[in-house]
Amino acid sequence: MNTFSIIVAYNPNLKAIKLMVAQLLEGKITPVIVNNSSHALPQDIGCKVIELGDNLGIAKAQNVGLEFVKRENGYAVIFFDQDSVINQPLLETLLKPIVNGEAEMTAPVFYDEKQGFFYKIISIDAVGRTHKHTLDHISDKFETNVVISSGHTVKLSVFETVGDMADDFFIDYVDTEWCLRAASFGYRTRICKEAIMQHSIGDKVINLGHFKAPVHSPYRRYYRIRNAFLLLRKKHIPKRMACREVIYALLHHMVLICCCTEKMNYIKYLLLGIWHGIRGRSGKL
């Protein structure tokens, strides 16, 4: 089976990404790094590197990687972030249901080592309500319609029906939009309970009791707000869900304005994100 992994890089930790490449090669998976950085990666990285020369966004980078994999007649592809920590059991577990013809897409579960808990698995119902599932309440063949891109394993033929990533989103909601688009064609993702990946929302978090607000730059928040509005324009995105994402994005941004030092920049990108979102502007700012 001709399996590839697409890794999108942006000023990566070279030691970490070389380790990931080594693990993939050991598992007989061909790594493809798509470099969104303005400077090239060293030639001794150990695998195919596609240089974009600038930050064109995660979706565009994934699509460039997909075009390469298609030309190489790939059978399946695993998406990873540049800081993903992987091992052989994880790779084998993700691929097994696809190899056996039991599923066309699989995804791991995520464990926060710092906080000591497993992230809940999310699913969106037909009217846009969010449901959160704990590991001990799902079966070994549980499927959902929305997962994050890191670790998402997809049989390549799925893209022939669903299409590639929405590169006009640039970043934020790229995985959500594609997964729900795939679900509109009847595709769902098998959750592999034994495939465990480390994941953390990071050190920069504003803790407001049950609500944790990750701190991103004002520029990054622009895409979160704008793209939440863009979801409203997608027929395959339930309107209730899209409206909720707009409200959450705005509330999150208000918290950052109140708690962070770059108040004027946060206000600037808030207004810009709302204006461009309402007008339907997409692509890179």
Protein backbone atom coordinates (compact mmCIF):
# COMPACT_ATOMS: atom_id res chain seq x y z
CA MET A 1 0.00 0.00 0.00
CA ASN A 2 1.50 3.32 -1.12
CA THR A 3 0.96 5.51 1.96
CA PHE A 4 2.18 9.08 2.36
CA SER A 5 2.23 11.61 5.16
CA ILE A 6 1.86 15.34 4.53
CA ILE A 7 3.56 17.58 7.09
CA VAL A 8 3.03 21.32 6.86
CA ALA A 9 6.03 23.22 8.22
CA TYR A 10 6.41 26.83 9.29
CA ASN A 11 9.77 27.65 10.93
CA PRO A 12 9.84 24.15 12.48
CA ASN A 13 12.05 22.66 15.17
CA LEU A 14 14.43 20.71 12.92
CA LYS A 15 15.26 18.06 15.51
CA ALA A 16 11.58 17.28 16.08
CA ILE A 17 10.68 17.16 12.40
CA LYS A 18 13.66 14.92 11.57
CA LEU A 19 12.53 12.52 14.30
CA MET A 20 9.04 12.46 12.80
CA VAL A 21 10.46 11.75 9.35
CA ALA A 22 12.52 8.86 10.76
CA GLN A 23 9.44 7.34 12.44
CA LEU A 24 7.42 7.57 9.24
CA LEU A 25 10.15 5.97 7.14
CA GLU A 26 10.48 3.17 9.68
CA GLY A 27 6.74 2.57 9.28
CA LYS A 28 7.15 2.44 5.49
CA ILE A 29 5.22 5.70 5.09
CA THR A 30 6.61 8.29 2.68
CA PRO A 31 6.90 11.73 4.31
CA VAL A 32 6.29 14.89 2.29
CA ILE A 33 7.07 18.20 3.95
CA VAL A 34 5.45 21.31 2.50
CA ASN A 35 7.43 24.27 3.78
CA ASN A 36 5.40 27.43 4.34
CA SER A 37 8.47 29.29 5.61
CA SER A 38 10.20 32.03 3.66
CA HIS A 39 13.55 30.27 4.07
CA ALA A 40 14.32 26.79 2.77
CA LEU A 41 14.76 23.73 4.97
CA PRO A 42 18.18 22.01 5.04
CA GLN A 43 18.78 19.34 2.42
CA ASP A 44 19.51 16.66 5.04
CA ILE A 45 15.93 16.67 6.33
CA GLY A 46 15.57 13.09 5.03
CA CYS A 47 12.55 13.25 2.72
CA LYS A 48 10.80 15.08 -0.08
CA VAL A 49 10.44 18.81 0.68
CA ILE A 50 8.26 21.15 -1.35
CA GLU A 51 9.28 24.77 -0.84
CA LEU A 52 6.52 27.37 -1.16
CA GLY A 53 8.81 30.32 -0.47
CA ASP A 54 6.23 32.11 1.69
CA ASN A 55 3.41 31.39 4.09
CA LEU A 56 0.50 30.52 1.80
CA GLY A 57 -1.62 29.01 4.58
CA ILE A 58 -2.13 25.50 5.90
CA ALA A 59 -4.87 24.60 3.42
CA LYS A 60 -2.83 25.62 0.37
CA ALA A 61 0.18 23.69 1.72
CA GLN A 62 -1.96 20.59 2.28
CA ASN A 63 -3.35 20.85 -1.25
CA VAL A 64 0.15 21.16 -2.73
CA GLY A 65 1.11 18.04 -0.80
CA LEU A 66 -2.00 16.25 -2.02
CA GLU A 67 -1.20 17.06 -5.64
CA PHE A 68 2.22 15.46 -5.20
CA VAL A 69 0.74 12.37 -3.53
CA LYS A 70 -1.82 12.00 -6.32
CA ARG A 71 0.93 12.13 -8.95
CA GLU A 72 2.75 9.40 -7.04
CA ASN A 73 -0.38 7.20 -7.06
CA GLY A 74 -0.76 7.26 -3.29
CA TYR A 75 -3.33 5.02 -1.66
CA ALA A 76 -3.76 6.85 1.65
CA VAL A 77 -2.39 9.95 3.35
CA ILE A 78 -1.84 10.92 7.00
CA PHE A 79 -1.77 14.60 7.91
CA PHE A 80 0.54 15.73 10.71
CA ASP A 81 1.51 19.04 12.23
CA GLN A 82 5.20 19.87 12.42
CA ASP A 83 5.22 19.29 16.18
CA SER A 84 3.22 16.04 16.17
CA VAL A 85 4.75 13.27 18.29
CA ILE A 86 4.26 9.89 16.65
CA ASN A 87 5.32 6.25 17.06
CA GLN A 88 4.93 2.94 15.23
CA PRO A 89 1.86 1.63 17.14
CA LEU A 90 0.05 4.88 16.40
CA LEU A 91 0.74 4.64 12.66
CA GLU A 92 -0.20 0.96 12.49
CA THR A 93 -3.46 1.53 14.38
CA LEU A 94 -4.53 4.41 12.17
CA LEU A 95 -3.84 2.51 8.95
CA LYS A 96 -5.23 -0.91 9.89
CA PRO A 97 -8.98 -0.16 9.38
CA ILE A 98 -8.24 1.44 5.99
CA VAL A 99 -6.02 -1.44 4.84
CA ASN A 100 -8.67 -3.94 5.94
CA GLY A 101 -11.42 -2.06 4.12
CA GLU A 102 -13.30 -1.29 7.36
CA ALA A 103 -13.06 2.51 7.07
CA GLU A 104 -12.02 5.17 4.60
CA MET A 105 -10.91 7.69 7.21
CA THR A 106 -9.46 7.29 10.71
CA ALA A 107 -8.26 9.60 13.47
CA PRO A 108 -6.49 9.25 16.84
CA VAL A 109 -7.53 10.38 20.30
CA PHE A 110 -5.63 13.17 22.04
CA TYR A 111 -4.17 13.22 25.53
CA ASP A 112 -3.05 16.36 27.37
CA GLU A 113 0.02 15.24 29.27
CA LYS A 114 0.29 18.52 31.21
CA GLN A 115 -3.29 18.47 32.45
CA GLY A 116 -3.67 14.68 32.55
CA PHE A 117 -6.88 14.16 30.56
CA PHE A 118 -8.15 12.88 27.22
CA TYR A 119 -9.86 15.40 24.96
CA LYS A 120 -13.50 14.66 24.27
CA ILE A 121 -14.49 13.60 20.77
CA ILE A 122 -16.78 16.03 19.00
CA SER A 123 -19.60 15.32 16.60
CA ILE A 124 -22.09 17.70 14.97
CA ASP A 125 -25.66 16.59 14.38
CA ALA A 126 -27.85 17.51 11.40
CA VAL A 127 -29.18 20.70 12.98
CA GLY A 128 -25.76 21.87 14.14
CA ARG A 129 -25.76 20.83 17.80
CA THR A 130 -22.38 19.83 19.23
CA HIS A 131 -22.09 16.52 21.08
CA LYS A 132 -19.07 15.64 23.22
CA HIS A 133 -18.14 11.99 23.72
CA THR A 134 -15.75 10.53 26.29
CA LEU A 135 -13.60 7.53 25.42
CA ASP A 136 -15.32 5.24 27.91
CA HIS A 137 -18.70 5.91 26.29
CA ILE A 138 -17.87 5.10 22.68
CA SER A 139 -17.43 1.78 20.91
CA ASP A 140 -14.30 0.57 19.16
CA LYS A 141 -15.99 1.36 15.84
CA PHE A 142 -17.27 4.81 16.76
CA GLU A 143 -17.38 7.28 13.86
CA THR A 144 -17.71 11.04 13.85
CA ASN A 145 -18.05 13.80 11.29
CA VAL A 146 -15.46 16.30 12.51
CA VAL A 147 -11.83 15.87 13.65
CA ILE A 148 -8.69 18.01 13.65
CA SER A 149 -6.18 17.50 10.86
CA SER A 150 -3.25 16.18 12.90
CA GLY A 151 -3.32 12.40 12.64
CA HIS A 152 -6.29 12.37 10.25
CA THR A 153 -5.76 9.45 7.89
CA VAL A 154 -7.67 9.48 4.61
CA LYS A 155 -7.95 7.04 1.72
CA LEU A 156 -6.93 9.11 -1.29
CA SER A 157 -10.00 8.19 -3.34
CA VAL A 158 -12.11 10.21 -0.88
CA PHE A 159 -10.64 13.44 -2.27
CA GLU A 160 -11.93 12.56 -5.74
CA THR A 161 -15.47 12.93 -4.39
CA VAL A 162 -15.08 15.56 -1.67
CA GLY A 163 -12.41 17.79 -3.22
CA ASP A 164 -9.33 19.32 -1.61
CA MET A 165 -9.00 21.68 1.35
CA ALA A 166 -10.55 25.15 1.15
CA ASP A 167 -7.38 27.14 0.61
CA ASP A 168 -9.35 30.41 0.61
CA PHE A 169 -9.70 29.91 4.38
CA PHE A 170 -5.90 30.16 4.72
CA ILE A 171 -5.97 28.88 8.34
CA ASP A 172 -8.61 28.11 10.99
CA TYR A 173 -11.67 25.94 10.37
CA VAL A 174 -9.93 24.29 7.39
CA ASP A 175 -10.27 20.81 8.95
CA THR A 176 -13.81 21.49 10.21
CA GLU A 177 -15.04 22.71 6.83
CA TRP A 178 -13.51 19.76 4.95
CA CYS A 179 -14.78 17.14 7.41
CA LEU A 180 -18.33 18.45 7.26
CA ARG A 181 -18.10 18.66 3.47
CA ALA A 182 -16.99 15.01 3.46
CA ALA A 183 -19.89 14.15 5.79
CA SER A 184 -22.31 15.73 3.30
CA PHE A 185 -21.14 13.03 0.85
CA GLY A 186 -21.64 10.33 3.47
CA TYR A 187 -18.06 9.97 4.73
CA ARG A 188 -17.31 9.67 8.44
CA THR A 189 -14.09 9.17 10.38
CA ARG A 190 -13.41 6.09 12.51
CA ILE A 191 -11.95 7.03 15.92
CA CYS A 192 -9.11 4.64 16.82
CA LYS A 193 -9.16 4.50 20.61
CA GLU A 194 -5.77 2.79 20.77
CA ALA A 195 -4.09 5.49 18.65
CA ILE A 196 -3.10 8.08 21.24
CA MET A 197 -1.39 11.36 20.38
CA GLN A 198 -0.02 13.93 22.79
CA HIS A 199 -1.68 17.31 22.45
CA SER A 200 -1.77 20.48 24.49
CA ILE A 201 -3.46 23.84 24.00
CA GLY A 202 -0.18 25.38 25.12
CA ASP A 203 1.11 27.55 27.93
CA LYS A 204 -0.57 30.78 26.82
CA VAL A 205 -4.09 30.20 28.05
CA ILE A 206 -6.45 32.49 29.93
CA ASN A 207 -8.24 30.30 32.46
CA LEU A 208 -11.74 31.48 33.31
CA GLY A 209 -12.98 28.47 35.25
CA HIS A 210 -14.62 26.06 32.81
CA PHE A 211 -13.75 28.34 29.88
CA LYS A 212 -10.14 28.30 28.66
CA ALA A 213 -9.17 30.92 26.10
CA PRO A 214 -5.99 30.14 24.14
CA VAL A 215 -3.96 33.26 23.43
CA HIS A 216 -3.19 33.78 19.74
CA SER A 217 -1.78 36.86 18.04
CA PRO A 218 -4.22 39.56 16.84
CA TYR A 219 -3.32 38.65 13.24
CA ARG A 220 -4.16 34.97 13.82
CA ARG A 221 -7.42 35.92 15.53
CA TYR A 222 -8.46 37.78 12.36
CA TYR A 223 -8.76 34.46 10.51
CA ARG A 224 -10.70 32.85 13.35
CA ILE A 225 -13.32 35.60 13.27
CA ARG A 226 -13.47 36.04 9.49
CA ASN A 227 -13.68 32.31 8.77
CA ALA A 228 -16.42 31.81 11.36
CA PHE A 229 -18.52 34.20 9.25
CA LEU A 230 -17.46 32.39 6.06
CA LEU A 231 -18.88 29.13 7.48
CA LEU A 232 -22.32 30.74 7.26
CA ARG A 233 -21.95 30.78 3.46
CA LYS A 234 -21.30 27.02 3.19
CA LYS A 235 -24.40 24.95 2.40
CA HIS A 236 -22.94 21.85 4.08
CA ILE A 237 -22.31 23.68 7.39
CA PRO A 238 -25.38 23.70 9.68
CA LYS A 239 -26.39 27.33 10.28
CA ARG A 240 -26.83 26.76 14.02
CA MET A 241 -23.24 25.57 14.30
CA ALA A 242 -21.89 28.44 12.18
CA CYS A 243 -23.77 31.03 14.27
CA ARG A 244 -22.39 29.47 17.45
CA GLU A 245 -18.85 29.64 16.08
CA VAL A 246 -19.30 33.33 15.25
CA ILE A 247 -20.55 34.05 18.78
CA TYR A 248 -17.74 32.04 20.41
CA ALA A 249 -15.10 33.70 18.24
CA LEU A 250 -16.35 37.15 19.20
CA LEU A 251 -16.59 36.34 22.92
CA HIS A 252 -13.11 34.79 22.87
CA HIS A 253 -11.77 37.91 21.19
CA MET A 254 -13.39 40.16 23.81
CA VAL A 255 -11.59 38.20 26.52
CA LEU A 256 -8.27 38.75 24.74
CA ILE A 257 -8.96 42.48 24.38
CA CYS A 258 -9.62 42.72 28.12
CA CYS A 259 -6.72 40.54 29.26
CA CYS A 260 -3.89 41.10 26.76
CA THR A 261 -1.56 44.03 26.24
CA GLU A 262 -2.02 44.52 22.46
CA LYS A 263 -5.53 45.90 22.92
CA MET A 264 -5.56 48.23 19.90
CA ASN A 265 -4.25 45.51 17.58
CA TYR A 266 -6.89 43.08 18.85
CA ILE A 267 -9.58 45.70 18.24
CA LYS A 268 -8.20 46.42 14.74
CA TYR A 269 -8.23 42.78 13.67
CA LEU A 270 -11.61 42.21 15.32
CA LEU A 271 -13.21 44.91 13.18
CA LEU A 272 -11.33 43.79 10.07
CA GLY A 273 -12.35 40.15 10.61
CA ILE A 274 -16.02 41.07 11.04
CA TRP A 275 -16.01 43.37 7.97
CA HIS A 276 -14.27 40.89 5.70
CA GLY A 277 -16.37 38.01 7.03
CA ILE A 278 -19.63 39.81 6.32
CA ARG A 279 -18.42 40.78 2.83
CA GLY A 280 -17.25 37.21 2.13
CA ARG A 281 -13.61 38.13 1.57
CA SER A 282 -11.29 35.13 1.75
CA GLY A 283 -7.64 34.26 1.16
CA LYS A 284 -4.59 35.73 2.86
CA LEU A 285 -4.98 39.11 4.54
